[in-house]
C-alpha cells in the first residue's frame, strides 16, 4: 500500500501534508509534516497539482484558501474539529456589535466562514506576535479561550475578549494540575500546548505549539519531557530525537485526527475525493486574514 501511495503521488503530481497529530504511518508518507502554521505556509508555496491534507477539515480549507487554483482534498470528509465548531459567524458579529472598535483575531482552528470575518488569523505558534502587531487595545479572540488567556498573560496591556467564553479543545482540557505534579515528581520537564487550561500553563516549564516543541527539543537539554498535547506528538518527537525521553498521556487522543488511514489516503489519491469547495467570496475574505498573519511572521 505504501508503494501504491508513493506511485500515485508521483503520477498525480500530488503533495501530502500531514499534521503532527496524524498517525505515524501517515506522517511517514507525507511530503510535509508540521503544525497548522507550517502547513499553511507550505500550502501557499506548493506548485503541486493536487494537495492532500491529512488533518481535519479547517486545515484543508486553509490550504484551499491559500492556493485556490489547486485541487485540495481531504481523505475523510467528516474529519472535523470540535474546537472550531465553538465559533460561528453569528457569534463574531454579536461580539463586534458590542466592541465596534475591537480587532477580530480568529485562530486557524476555525471554519472558513469565521476566518472570513476576521481582521487577521493566528496559530498557537504566533498568537502573541499577531496580537502585538495590532494597534487596537481590545481584541476579540476565538474560539479557544485557553489560548486567549495565554495571550492575555503575555500582553497584559491589551484587553483580550474570548469569543465564545468557553471555547476549548477537549484533548487539551484533559490535562490537569495533578498531571503537572506527577510529571514533576518523576523529574521530567513539563511542556504544554497553549490550549491547555491556564492553571496548567502557569505551572509548565515551557509553553509551545507543536512546531515549537520540535524546535525546542532540538536545542534543549537532555532531561525527560512530559508533553501535554495530543499523544501522537510524542511519537513524532521520539522519531526525531531517538536519544531523548518523552512521556505522553495515553488518553490524550484527538479522535478526528485519527480517522485517516493508509487505505483512506490511497483511495483519496486514486479518486481525488473529497474535494474542498468554498465560495469565492469566503475564500477572498479569509485569504486576506490568513495572509496578514503570514506577513506578520515574515
Foldseek 3Di string as FASTA:
>chain_A
DLVLLVVLCVVQQEAEEEELQAAVVSVVSGPHYYHLLRLLVCLLVDPGQEYEYQFADLSQVSSCLNPVNHWYAYLDPHLAAQLQVLDDPVLVVVVCVVVVQAFEEEESNHHLLNLLPHQAYAYLACPLLVVVVDPDQEYEYDDQQLSQVVSCVVCVSGHYQHRVNHRAGPLQQPDDVVNLVVCVVVVAAEEEESRHHPVSVVSHPYYHDLRRVLVCVVVDDQGEYEYRAAQSSVVVSCVVCVSHHYHYDVVSHDPSSHPDDPVSSSVCSVVVPDTDDDDPSSSVSSSSNHVVHVVSVD
